[in-house]
Protein backbone atom coordinates (compact mmCIF):
# COMPACT_ATOMS: atom_id res chain seq x y z
CA MET A 1 17.23 7.52 -15.82
CA ALA A 2 17.79 7.87 -19.56
CA PRO A 3 17.62 4.67 -21.65
CA ASN A 4 20.95 2.91 -21.90
CA VAL A 5 22.69 2.91 -25.24
CA GLY A 6 24.77 -0.07 -26.31
CA PRO A 7 28.13 -0.03 -28.12
CA ASP A 8 26.27 -0.19 -31.43
CA GLY A 9 24.51 3.10 -30.64
CA LYS A 10 21.12 1.42 -30.19
CA VAL A 11 18.98 1.78 -27.09
CA VAL A 12 18.95 -1.36 -24.93
CA PRO A 13 15.27 -2.45 -24.89
CA SER A 14 13.46 -2.86 -21.60
CA VAL A 15 10.03 -3.60 -20.15
CA LYS A 16 8.43 -2.56 -16.88
CA ILE A 17 7.48 -5.42 -14.58
CA LEU A 18 5.57 -4.27 -11.49
CA GLY A 19 7.30 -0.91 -11.67
CA VAL A 20 10.81 -2.28 -12.23
CA ARG A 21 12.64 -1.67 -15.51
CA VAL A 22 14.09 -4.95 -16.78
CA ASN A 23 16.43 -4.85 -19.77
CA MET A 24 15.84 -7.38 -22.51
CA VAL A 25 19.41 -8.61 -22.82
CA GLN A 26 21.27 -11.90 -22.86
CA ILE A 27 24.77 -12.69 -21.60
CA THR A 28 26.49 -11.79 -24.89
CA GLY A 29 24.78 -8.38 -24.85
CA VAL A 30 25.82 -7.74 -21.25
CA ILE A 31 29.43 -8.66 -22.06
CA ASP A 32 29.42 -6.29 -25.06
CA LEU A 33 28.31 -3.49 -22.74
CA MET A 34 30.93 -4.39 -20.15
CA GLU A 35 33.71 -4.22 -22.72
CA HIS A 36 32.35 -0.92 -24.03
CA TRP A 37 32.39 0.56 -20.51
CA ILE A 38 35.85 -0.79 -19.75
CA GLN A 39 37.23 0.82 -22.88
CA SER A 40 35.49 4.16 -22.34
CA ARG A 41 36.19 4.31 -18.57
CA ASP A 42 33.90 7.33 -18.26
CA ARG A 43 32.44 6.33 -14.88
CA CYS A 44 31.44 3.35 -12.75
CA HIS A 45 28.54 1.37 -14.27
CA ILE A 46 26.23 -0.95 -12.33
CA ILE A 47 24.89 -4.28 -13.57
CA ALA A 48 22.09 -5.75 -11.47
CA LEU A 49 20.65 -9.20 -12.02
CA GLY A 50 16.98 -9.26 -11.11
CA GLY A 51 14.52 -12.04 -10.46
CA MET A 52 11.10 -12.39 -8.90
CA HIS A 53 12.57 -11.95 -5.40
CA GLY A 54 14.09 -8.57 -6.27
CA VAL A 55 10.89 -7.32 -7.90
CA MET A 56 8.85 -8.27 -4.84
CA GLU A 57 11.41 -6.67 -2.53
CA SER A 58 11.03 -3.47 -4.55
CA ARG A 59 7.28 -3.48 -3.83
CA ARG A 60 7.97 -3.57 -0.10
CA ASP A 61 10.72 -0.96 -0.30
CA LEU A 62 10.33 1.90 -2.78
CA THR A 63 13.91 3.02 -2.15
CA PHE A 64 15.09 -0.37 -3.38
CA ARG A 65 12.90 0.03 -6.46
CA THR A 66 14.69 3.29 -7.22
CA ILE A 67 18.03 1.52 -6.80
CA LEU A 68 17.05 -1.16 -9.32
CA ASN A 69 15.66 1.38 -11.78
CA THR A 70 18.81 3.51 -11.69
CA ALA A 71 21.16 0.60 -12.38
CA ASP A 72 22.75 0.85 -15.82
CA ILE A 73 21.49 -2.63 -16.66
CA LEU A 74 19.01 -4.87 -14.89
CA ALA A 75 19.24 -8.22 -16.62
CA PRO A 76 16.56 -10.92 -16.14
CA ASP A 77 17.89 -13.53 -13.71
CA GLY A 78 14.89 -15.73 -13.05
CA PHE A 79 12.53 -17.78 -15.14
CA SER A 80 9.49 -15.74 -14.10
CA LEU A 81 10.93 -12.57 -15.66
CA LEU A 82 12.07 -14.53 -18.69
CA TRP A 83 8.56 -15.93 -19.13
CA LEU A 84 7.00 -12.47 -18.92
CA ALA A 85 9.54 -11.10 -21.41
CA ARG A 86 8.64 -13.83 -23.88
CA ARG A 87 4.93 -13.08 -23.48
CA ARG A 88 5.70 -9.46 -24.36
CA GLY A 89 7.38 -10.45 -27.60
CA PHE A 90 11.07 -10.69 -26.64
CA LYS A 91 12.68 -13.94 -27.71
CA LEU A 92 15.08 -14.42 -24.82
CA ALA A 93 16.59 -17.90 -24.71
CA ARG A 94 17.98 -17.99 -21.18
CA ARG A 95 18.14 -16.01 -17.96
CA VAL A 96 21.27 -14.08 -17.05
CA SER A 97 22.56 -15.63 -13.84
CA GLY A 98 25.57 -14.31 -11.96
CA THR A 99 27.43 -17.61 -12.27
CA ASP A 100 26.87 -17.86 -16.03
CA LEU A 101 27.76 -14.21 -16.62
CA MET A 102 31.01 -14.51 -14.67
CA SER A 103 32.01 -17.75 -16.38
CA ALA A 104 31.37 -16.28 -19.82
CA PHE A 105 33.15 -13.03 -19.07
CA PHE A 106 36.25 -14.75 -17.67
CA ARG A 107 36.98 -16.14 -21.14
CA THR A 108 36.79 -12.62 -22.57
CA ALA A 109 38.90 -11.29 -19.68
CA GLU A 110 41.63 -13.87 -20.35
CA SER A 111 41.89 -12.80 -23.99
CA ASN A 112 41.92 -9.06 -23.25
CA GLY A 113 43.79 -8.90 -19.96
CA TYR A 114 40.93 -7.46 -17.91
CA LYS A 115 41.50 -7.49 -14.16
CA MET A 116 38.94 -8.85 -11.69
CA PHE A 117 38.19 -7.90 -8.07
CA PHE A 118 35.91 -9.99 -5.84
CA TYR A 119 34.11 -8.34 -2.92
CA GLY A 120 31.94 -10.30 -0.50
CA ASP A 121 31.35 -13.72 1.08
CA THR A 122 33.96 -15.28 3.41
CA ASP A 123 37.75 -15.49 3.27
CA HIS A 124 37.48 -19.25 2.84
CA THR A 125 35.08 -18.94 -0.09
CA LEU A 126 37.27 -16.31 -1.77
CA GLU A 127 40.35 -18.51 -1.40
CA LEU A 128 38.59 -21.49 -2.97
CA LEU A 129 37.12 -19.24 -5.65
CA GLN A 130 40.49 -17.86 -6.72
CA ASN A 131 42.09 -21.31 -6.74
CA ASN A 132 39.32 -22.70 -8.93
CA LEU A 133 39.39 -19.74 -11.30
CA LEU A 134 43.14 -19.88 -11.81
CA GLU A 135 42.86 -23.59 -12.50
CA ASN A 136 40.09 -23.14 -15.07
CA TYR A 137 41.22 -19.75 -16.45
CA PRO A 138 45.01 -19.76 -16.02
CA ALA A 139 45.48 -16.42 -17.80
CA LEU A 140 42.85 -14.63 -15.71
CA LYS A 141 44.16 -11.55 -13.90
CA ILE A 142 42.87 -11.21 -10.33
CA ALA A 143 43.44 -7.70 -8.96
CA GLY A 144 42.19 -8.54 -5.48
CA ALA A 145 39.56 -10.10 -3.26
CA TYR A 146 38.13 -9.02 0.07
CA SER A 147 35.58 -10.33 2.55
CA PRO A 148 34.05 -7.42 4.49
CA PRO A 149 32.79 -7.97 8.06
CA PHE A 150 29.26 -9.38 8.37
CA ARG A 151 27.99 -6.25 10.13
CA PRO A 152 27.44 -2.59 9.24
CA LEU A 153 30.77 -1.03 8.27
CA THR A 154 32.19 2.01 9.99
CA GLU A 155 32.86 5.10 7.88
CA ALA A 156 36.59 4.42 8.13
CA GLU A 157 36.09 0.86 6.88
CA LYS A 158 33.94 2.06 3.99
CA VAL A 159 36.60 4.53 2.91
CA ALA A 160 39.35 1.90 3.24
CA ASP A 161 37.41 -0.62 1.12
CA ILE A 162 36.82 1.91 -1.66
CA ARG A 163 40.46 2.94 -1.63
CA MET A 164 41.59 -0.71 -1.79
CA ILE A 165 39.38 -1.43 -4.80
CA ASN A 166 40.39 1.76 -6.62
CA GLU A 167 44.11 1.18 -6.03
CA SER A 168 43.83 -2.38 -7.36
CA GLY A 169 43.27 -1.08 -10.89
CA ALA A 170 40.46 -3.58 -11.44
CA ASP A 171 38.38 -3.44 -14.60
CA VAL A 172 35.43 -5.35 -13.15
CA LEU A 173 34.24 -5.56 -9.56
CA TRP A 174 32.11 -8.61 -8.74
CA VAL A 175 30.00 -8.06 -5.62
CA GLY A 176 28.74 -11.13 -3.77
CA LEU A 177 26.90 -9.75 -0.77
CA GLY A 178 23.48 -11.22 -1.55
CA SER A 179 20.39 -9.31 -2.58
CA PRO A 180 19.27 -6.66 -1.67
CA LYS A 181 22.45 -5.84 0.29
CA GLN A 182 24.74 -5.92 -2.76
CA GLU A 183 22.52 -3.61 -4.82
CA ARG A 184 22.35 -1.12 -1.96
CA TRP A 185 26.14 -1.26 -1.55
CA MET A 186 26.79 -0.68 -5.25
CA HIS A 187 24.34 2.21 -5.42
CA GLU A 188 25.78 3.84 -2.31
CA ASN A 189 29.39 3.63 -3.48
CA GLN A 190 29.04 4.08 -7.25
CA ASP A 191 30.23 7.69 -7.33
CA ASP A 192 33.39 6.94 -5.30
CA LEU A 193 34.48 3.86 -7.22
CA GLU A 194 36.86 4.17 -10.18
CA VAL A 195 36.30 0.65 -11.52
CA PRO A 196 34.37 1.00 -14.81
CA VAL A 197 32.03 -1.97 -14.22
CA MET A 198 30.59 -3.67 -11.16
CA SER A 199 27.99 -6.39 -10.96
CA GLY A 200 26.07 -7.94 -8.10
CA VAL A 201 26.19 -11.71 -8.49
CA GLY A 202 24.52 -13.09 -5.36
CA ALA A 203 25.64 -16.62 -4.49
CA ALA A 204 27.88 -17.01 -7.55
CA PHE A 205 31.05 -17.02 -5.42
CA LYS A 206 29.73 -20.08 -3.59
CA PHE A 207 28.92 -21.87 -6.85
CA LEU A 208 32.20 -21.06 -8.61
CA SER A 209 34.24 -21.93 -5.51
CA GLY A 210 32.75 -25.42 -5.59
CA GLN A 211 31.15 -25.12 -2.16
CA VAL A 212 27.55 -25.24 -3.41
CA ARG A 213 26.29 -27.36 -6.27
CA ARG A 214 24.08 -25.67 -8.85
CA ALA A 215 20.88 -27.13 -10.20
CA PRO A 216 21.36 -29.18 -13.39
CA PRO A 217 21.09 -26.91 -16.46
CA TRP A 218 17.94 -28.63 -17.73
CA LEU A 219 16.25 -27.90 -14.41
CA GLY A 220 17.33 -24.26 -14.18
CA ASN A 221 16.59 -23.45 -17.81
CA ASN A 222 13.05 -24.77 -17.46
CA GLY A 223 12.19 -22.68 -14.42
CA PHE A 224 12.67 -25.19 -11.61
CA GLU A 225 15.87 -24.02 -9.96
CA TRP A 226 13.71 -22.74 -7.09
CA LEU A 227 12.67 -26.33 -6.38
CA TRP A 228 16.31 -27.46 -6.31
CA ARG A 229 17.28 -24.68 -3.90
CA PHE A 230 14.20 -25.21 -1.76
CA ALA A 231 15.09 -28.89 -1.35
CA ARG A 232 18.65 -28.02 -0.33
CA GLU A 233 18.19 -24.73 1.55
CA PRO A 234 14.56 -24.65 2.77
CA ARG A 235 15.20 -22.25 5.65
CA ARG A 236 16.90 -19.74 3.36
CA VAL A 237 14.48 -19.66 0.44
CA TRP A 238 11.13 -20.69 1.94
CA ARG A 239 9.75 -17.14 1.88
CA ARG A 240 10.48 -16.77 -1.84
CA VAL A 241 8.73 -20.06 -2.62
CA VAL A 242 5.77 -19.96 -0.22
CA ILE A 243 5.00 -16.22 -0.09
CA ASP A 244 6.77 -14.21 -2.79
CA GLY A 245 6.09 -16.62 -5.67
CA PRO A 246 2.28 -16.74 -5.40
CA HIS A 247 2.16 -13.03 -4.51
CA PHE A 248 4.22 -12.18 -7.61
CA LEU A 249 1.84 -14.11 -9.89
CA PHE A 250 -1.16 -12.39 -8.30
CA CYS A 251 0.37 -8.92 -8.73
CA VAL A 252 1.29 -9.57 -12.38
CA ALA A 253 -2.23 -10.82 -13.13
CA PHE A 254 -3.79 -7.84 -11.35
CA GLU A 255 -1.50 -5.39 -13.19
CA LYS A 256 -2.52 -6.87 -16.53
CA LEU A 257 -6.21 -6.76 -15.64
CA ASP A 258 -5.91 -3.18 -14.39
CA SER A 259 -4.18 -2.05 -17.59
CA ARG A 260 -6.97 -3.63 -19.66
CA ASN A 261 -9.65 -1.86 -17.62
CA ARG A 262 -7.90 1.49 -17.95
CA GLY A 263 -7.64 0.93 -21.68
CA LYS A 264 -11.40 0.37 -21.93
CA THR A 265 -12.18 3.62 -20.12
CA LYS A 266 -10.16 5.79 -22.49
């Protein structure tokens, strides 16, 4: 895929981490792109938020790697990617989490009248989410929300969901299906969707609905949100902590060593 160009005409910088292209952007840069795409409305653009878990999933599944690499933006959501970016000379202050991106964009959406659609999670979560958002962002326009069945959709259901989203007139589609399911869904339906921007945001619906408490900012910003989640949801995240984390560090170290050896043989 050709390098993405921002609203200022400059190419959005990126680095390859274990074969995955990660864009060196922060939340303000992502929001600038979102507004640019909303105004141009040339096609549906995908924003993926990648962390160590997504990179390791892409090593097990090359199709998923292609999905990540063809997203319009893959922003670094995870301290491990942030740390690697800094070591490669990019002064990124914070990771781009789904919760933080949504919260920041809602303020922009209020001022400019952008309409939101929420796709994923449960009906109960979506109800709490909308109530909380309208309390905190009273001018926010919500075009719709839908919780799809927790099973493979029939072709008729897929068509109906796309039609519902398109007819809502939404400017941004937030997809909370969890990774890698949400990235696969966005990639599969990109060409049929008329919404100019969609972003996979993982568990952000749960956080913004008030159902799940986030790690304190000082903990998350210093790379220890995994410890917070592991203490609260050990059965859900144990693989990331026990297997994927050490494996990721080994692969990064081996990739660096391999690149040095290849450089010596030239």
